[in-house]
């Protein structure tokens, strides 16, 4: 919001500096991680605070329930224990990573919002399953009390996203901006952490992952070659990846729809983990 405010109201083309953005993302991500690590097993905020104080008083040593571990898809009842610090680190990476990945994907009309709708809707299914003591037991998922309520949030996000797409489709009349992309990405990451499906989010949000990796590879390789040879070289014609395909001759609408199709297939793979175990 601050970034868009500076750009629109103060006519500052740079808005918030990248380091400033990353700092506040990190603060919010770490605070969310510290809350979620204890709220996974407790639905009462007072009980969450008690567990946090107990963790601090015990010298940062407390055992977490198995459902707070890393859940591996396609395998029955496999949960790798993370510990408090491991959980916080994973949650931080998922929330901040998803937030930035969606923001990097938001470069063409309608490109980011439809995958957000599809991934968010799919996560809503997982939220319903993990929030049900009956279905979670039947499908070998951890039971997370209260997580079923996230289905309402996911449905609202999907509905709002489709309404937004009506005006954001090519040629776009309105744009998401950082205030939308960063928030939606963080929301997807947070939901995935709550329902313990971080790896499934990585699968279903494959487009977001590849877009983010394309920027990281492009920038890293450019800096490396510039330092070694004096001239920066590129792996892609342009990053993020969707611009590479544009430079390769694809029309904007072709890139967008094909990325939608890929996301739809990835979401089907993700949903299949409900039963394929």
Protein backbone atom coordinates (compact mmCIF):
# COMPACT_ATOMS: atom_id res chain seq x y z
CA UNK A 1 0.00 0.00 0.00
CA UNK A 2 2.80 2.41 0.93
CA UNK A 3 4.59 1.58 -2.33
CA UNK A 4 1.54 2.36 -4.47
CA UNK A 5 0.79 5.47 -2.37
CA UNK A 6 4.25 6.89 -3.04
CA UNK A 7 4.01 6.12 -6.75
CA UNK A 8 0.52 7.55 -7.27
CA UNK A 9 0.24 10.38 -4.75
CA UNK A 10 3.85 11.52 -4.43
CA UNK A 11 4.73 10.73 -8.06
CA UNK A 12 7.77 8.75 -6.93
CA UNK A 13 8.50 6.20 -9.70
CA UNK A 14 10.57 4.00 -7.38
CA UNK A 15 8.05 3.85 -4.53
CA UNK A 16 9.39 1.79 -1.64
CA UNK A 17 12.97 0.67 -2.07
CA UNK A 18 13.47 -3.08 -2.45
CA UNK A 19 15.36 -3.38 0.83
CA UNK A 20 12.60 -1.51 2.64
CA UNK A 21 9.99 -3.84 1.16
CA UNK A 22 11.95 -6.93 2.09
CA UNK A 23 12.50 -5.67 5.64
CA UNK A 24 8.78 -5.23 6.32
CA UNK A 25 7.96 -8.50 4.57
CA UNK A 26 10.45 -10.23 6.84
CA UNK A 27 9.03 -8.63 9.98
CA UNK A 28 5.47 -9.64 9.11
CA UNK A 29 6.57 -13.10 7.96
CA UNK A 30 8.49 -13.81 11.17
CA UNK A 31 5.65 -12.57 13.39
CA UNK A 32 3.19 -14.75 11.50
CA UNK A 33 5.55 -17.73 11.78
CA UNK A 34 5.96 -17.30 15.55
CA UNK A 35 2.18 -17.22 15.96
CA UNK A 36 1.45 -20.14 13.66
CA UNK A 37 4.05 -22.46 15.19
CA UNK A 38 1.98 -22.63 18.39
CA UNK A 39 -1.51 -22.01 16.98
CA UNK A 40 -1.34 -25.17 14.84
CA UNK A 41 -2.06 -27.24 17.94
CA UNK A 42 -4.07 -24.67 19.93
CA UNK A 43 -7.10 -22.70 18.78
CA UNK A 44 -7.16 -20.36 21.80
CA UNK A 45 -5.03 -17.21 21.51
CA UNK A 46 -4.50 -17.25 25.27
CA UNK A 47 -3.17 -20.80 25.06
CA UNK A 48 -0.91 -19.79 22.17
CA UNK A 49 0.57 -17.02 24.33
CA UNK A 50 1.09 -19.48 27.19
CA UNK A 51 2.94 -21.89 24.90
CA UNK A 52 5.12 -19.08 23.59
CA UNK A 53 6.07 -17.97 27.11
CA UNK A 54 6.74 -21.59 28.09
CA UNK A 55 9.02 -21.95 25.06
CA UNK A 56 10.99 -18.84 26.05
CA UNK A 57 11.23 -19.82 29.72
CA UNK A 58 12.39 -23.35 28.85
CA UNK A 59 15.39 -22.01 26.97
CA UNK A 60 13.71 -22.31 23.56
CA UNK A 61 13.13 -26.04 23.95
CA UNK A 62 9.63 -27.42 23.47
CA UNK A 63 8.21 -30.42 21.64
CA UNK A 64 5.73 -29.81 18.85
CA UNK A 65 2.99 -32.30 17.87
CA UNK A 66 3.59 -34.46 14.75
CA UNK A 67 1.09 -32.41 12.74
CA UNK A 68 3.44 -29.42 13.02
CA UNK A 69 6.04 -31.33 11.03
CA UNK A 70 6.63 -31.18 7.28
CA UNK A 71 3.90 -33.23 5.60
CA UNK A 72 5.05 -35.15 2.53
CA UNK A 73 2.43 -35.67 -0.21
CA UNK A 74 1.78 -39.01 -1.94
CA UNK A 75 2.99 -40.87 1.18
CA UNK A 76 0.76 -42.05 4.02
CA UNK A 77 1.34 -40.43 7.41
CA UNK A 78 4.85 -39.12 6.77
CA UNK A 79 5.72 -36.09 8.87
CA UNK A 80 9.27 -34.85 9.31
CA UNK A 81 9.72 -33.05 12.66
CA UNK A 82 10.92 -29.49 12.23
CA UNK A 83 11.15 -28.14 15.76
CA UNK A 84 10.20 -24.56 16.56
CA UNK A 85 13.09 -22.94 14.70
CA UNK A 86 12.64 -25.20 11.67
CA UNK A 87 8.92 -24.46 11.56
CA UNK A 88 9.51 -20.71 11.85
CA UNK A 89 12.16 -20.79 9.10
CA UNK A 90 9.97 -22.84 6.75
CA UNK A 91 6.93 -20.64 7.40
CA UNK A 92 8.96 -17.49 6.82
CA UNK A 93 10.29 -18.81 3.50
CA UNK A 94 6.85 -19.97 2.35
CA UNK A 95 5.03 -16.73 3.19
CA UNK A 96 7.70 -14.30 1.98
CA UNK A 97 8.58 -16.48 -1.01
CA UNK A 98 4.96 -16.88 -2.14
CA UNK A 99 4.35 -13.16 -1.69
CA UNK A 100 7.26 -12.17 -3.92
CA UNK A 101 6.64 -14.96 -6.44
CA UNK A 102 3.06 -13.81 -7.11
CA UNK A 103 4.29 -10.23 -7.38
CA UNK A 104 6.89 -11.20 -9.99
CA UNK A 105 4.26 -13.13 -11.95
CA UNK A 106 1.99 -10.09 -12.12
CA UNK A 107 3.52 -8.72 -15.30
CA UNK A 108 0.85 -9.36 -17.95
CA UNK A 109 -2.89 -8.70 -18.04
CA UNK A 110 -4.66 -11.46 -16.11
CA UNK A 111 -1.53 -13.58 -15.70
CA UNK A 112 -1.28 -13.66 -11.90
CA UNK A 113 -4.88 -13.47 -10.73
CA UNK A 114 -6.24 -16.63 -12.38
CA UNK A 115 -3.50 -18.89 -10.94
CA UNK A 116 -4.16 -17.26 -7.56
CA UNK A 117 -7.85 -18.14 -7.91
CA UNK A 118 -7.09 -21.74 -8.89
CA UNK A 119 -4.45 -22.34 -6.21
CA UNK A 120 -6.55 -20.60 -3.56
CA UNK A 121 -9.61 -22.68 -4.45
CA UNK A 122 -7.55 -25.87 -4.28
CA UNK A 123 -6.16 -24.92 -0.88
CA UNK A 124 -9.75 -24.40 0.24
CA UNK A 125 -10.36 -28.10 -0.37
CA UNK A 126 -7.38 -28.98 1.82
CA UNK A 127 -8.62 -26.57 4.49
CA UNK A 128 -11.98 -28.33 4.60
CA UNK A 129 -10.35 -31.76 4.86
CA UNK A 130 -7.87 -30.83 7.61
CA UNK A 131 -10.64 -29.04 9.52
CA UNK A 132 -12.80 -32.17 9.61
CA UNK A 133 -11.94 -34.87 12.14
CA UNK A 134 -13.73 -37.42 9.94
CA UNK A 135 -12.23 -36.63 6.53
CA UNK A 136 -8.75 -35.92 7.87
CA UNK A 137 -8.65 -39.31 9.57
CA UNK A 138 -10.00 -41.09 6.49
CA UNK A 139 -7.52 -39.40 4.11
CA UNK A 140 -4.52 -39.59 6.51
CA UNK A 141 -4.24 -35.82 6.94
CA UNK A 142 -3.42 -34.00 10.18
CA UNK A 143 -6.49 -32.69 11.95
CA UNK A 144 -6.19 -28.91 12.42
CA UNK A 145 -9.13 -27.64 14.53
CA UNK A 146 -10.73 -24.56 13.01
CA UNK A 147 -8.87 -24.74 9.70
CA UNK A 148 -12.11 -25.60 7.91
CA UNK A 149 -13.14 -21.96 8.31
CA UNK A 150 -10.41 -21.07 5.82
CA UNK A 151 -12.64 -22.51 3.10
CA UNK A 152 -14.79 -19.38 3.43
CA UNK A 153 -11.75 -17.16 3.03
CA UNK A 154 -10.53 -19.16 0.02
CA UNK A 155 -13.96 -18.94 -1.60
CA UNK A 156 -14.07 -15.18 -0.99
CA UNK A 157 -10.59 -14.77 -2.45
CA UNK A 158 -11.55 -16.81 -5.52
CA UNK A 159 -14.77 -14.87 -6.03
CA UNK A 160 -13.06 -11.51 -5.64
CA UNK A 161 -10.29 -12.68 -7.96
CA UNK A 162 -12.74 -13.60 -10.71
CA UNK A 163 -14.49 -10.25 -10.34
CA UNK A 164 -11.11 -8.54 -10.61
CA UNK A 165 -10.22 -10.62 -13.68
CA UNK A 166 -13.32 -9.28 -15.46
CA UNK A 167 -11.58 -5.88 -15.59
CA UNK A 168 -7.97 -7.10 -15.55
CA UNK A 169 -8.22 -9.30 -18.64
CA UNK A 170 -6.52 -8.05 -21.82
CA UNK A 171 -6.62 -5.12 -22.39
CA UNK A 172 -6.64 -4.42 -18.66
CA UNK A 173 -8.68 -1.56 -17.23
CA UNK A 174 -7.40 -1.99 -13.68
CA UNK A 175 -4.16 -3.39 -12.28
CA UNK A 176 -3.30 -5.38 -9.18
CA UNK A 177 -0.14 -3.59 -8.14
CA UNK A 178 2.07 -4.55 -5.22
CA UNK A 179 -0.74 -3.98 -2.74
CA UNK A 180 -2.67 -6.85 -4.32
CA UNK A 181 0.04 -9.22 -5.52
CA UNK A 182 2.12 -9.22 -2.33
CA UNK A 183 -0.95 -9.68 -0.13
CA UNK A 184 -2.46 -12.48 -2.23
CA UNK A 185 0.85 -14.34 -2.37
CA UNK A 186 1.28 -14.04 1.39
CA UNK A 187 -2.30 -15.26 1.87
CA UNK A 188 -1.64 -18.39 -0.20
CA UNK A 189 1.54 -19.09 1.75
CA UNK A 190 -0.19 -18.61 5.10
CA UNK A 191 -3.07 -20.91 4.19
CA UNK A 192 -0.64 -23.59 3.01
CA UNK A 193 1.23 -23.41 6.32
CA UNK A 194 -1.96 -23.64 8.39
CA UNK A 195 -3.23 -26.71 6.53
CA UNK A 196 0.33 -28.17 6.52
CA UNK A 197 0.59 -28.38 2.71
CA UNK A 198 3.71 -26.37 1.93
CA UNK A 199 5.01 -28.91 -0.58
CA UNK A 200 1.62 -29.11 -2.29
CA UNK A 201 1.63 -25.31 -2.61
CA UNK A 202 5.04 -25.61 -4.28
CA UNK A 203 3.48 -28.04 -6.78
CA UNK A 204 0.23 -26.18 -7.47
CA UNK A 205 1.96 -22.81 -7.59
CA UNK A 206 4.59 -24.09 -9.99
CA UNK A 207 4.14 -21.09 -12.28
CA UNK A 208 4.91 -18.73 -9.40
CA UNK A 209 7.95 -20.82 -8.45
CA UNK A 210 9.36 -20.87 -11.98
CA UNK A 211 8.76 -17.14 -12.44
CA UNK A 212 10.66 -16.36 -9.23
CA UNK A 213 13.49 -18.76 -10.07
CA UNK A 214 13.83 -17.24 -13.55
CA UNK A 215 14.51 -13.83 -12.00
CA UNK A 216 16.96 -15.25 -9.46
CA UNK A 217 18.89 -17.18 -12.12
CA UNK A 218 18.91 -14.25 -14.55
CA UNK A 219 20.16 -11.72 -11.99
CA UNK A 220 22.72 -14.10 -10.44
CA UNK A 221 24.16 -15.16 -13.80
CA UNK A 222 24.29 -11.58 -15.05
CA UNK A 223 26.21 -10.42 -11.97
CA UNK A 224 28.54 -13.44 -12.10
CA UNK A 225 29.44 -13.00 -15.78
CA UNK A 226 29.84 -9.25 -15.39
CA UNK A 227 32.30 -9.78 -12.55
CA UNK A 228 34.19 -12.52 -14.40
CA UNK A 229 34.15 -11.27 -18.00
CA UNK A 230 33.41 -7.57 -17.56
CA UNK A 231 30.17 -7.91 -19.52
CA UNK A 232 26.95 -9.28 -18.08
CA UNK A 233 25.35 -12.21 -19.90
CA UNK A 234 21.78 -13.47 -19.73
CA UNK A 235 20.26 -16.93 -19.56
CA UNK A 236 16.84 -15.73 -20.76
CA UNK A 237 16.01 -13.07 -23.30
CA UNK A 238 14.23 -11.22 -20.50
CA UNK A 239 13.07 -12.01 -16.97
CA UNK A 240 10.63 -12.92 -15.49
CA UNK A 241 9.91 -15.95 -17.66
CA UNK A 242 6.71 -14.62 -19.24
CA UNK A 243 8.68 -11.80 -20.87
CA UNK A 244 11.12 -14.36 -22.29
CA UNK A 245 8.26 -16.03 -24.15
CA UNK A 246 7.03 -12.66 -25.37
CA UNK A 247 10.50 -11.95 -26.76
CA UNK A 248 10.40 -15.40 -28.38
CA UNK A 249 7.33 -14.48 -30.42
CA UNK A 250 4.39 -15.51 -28.23
CA UNK A 251 1.52 -13.06 -28.02
CA UNK A 252 0.59 -11.76 -24.58
CA UNK A 253 -2.71 -13.63 -24.55
CA UNK A 254 -0.96 -16.86 -25.56
CA UNK A 255 1.45 -16.60 -22.63
CA UNK A 256 -1.37 -15.86 -20.19
CA UNK A 257 -3.74 -18.64 -21.26
CA UNK A 258 -0.97 -21.24 -21.52
CA UNK A 259 0.24 -20.37 -18.02
CA UNK A 260 -3.38 -20.74 -16.85
CA UNK A 261 -3.56 -24.21 -18.42
CA UNK A 262 -0.32 -25.27 -16.74
CA UNK A 263 -1.59 -24.03 -13.37
CA UNK A 264 -4.86 -25.91 -13.82
CA UNK A 265 -2.95 -29.14 -14.46
CA UNK A 266 -0.68 -28.53 -11.46
CA UNK A 267 -3.70 -27.89 -9.23
CA UNK A 268 -5.21 -31.19 -10.36
CA UNK A 269 -1.96 -32.92 -9.41
CA UNK A 270 -2.03 -31.17 -6.04
CA UNK A 271 -5.65 -32.15 -5.36
CA UNK A 272 -4.85 -35.74 -6.35
CA UNK A 273 -2.60 -35.96 -3.26
CA UNK A 274 -5.81 -36.11 -1.22
CA UNK A 275 -6.27 -39.71 -2.32
CA UNK A 276 -3.04 -40.81 -4.00
CA UNK A 277 -1.13 -41.82 -0.89
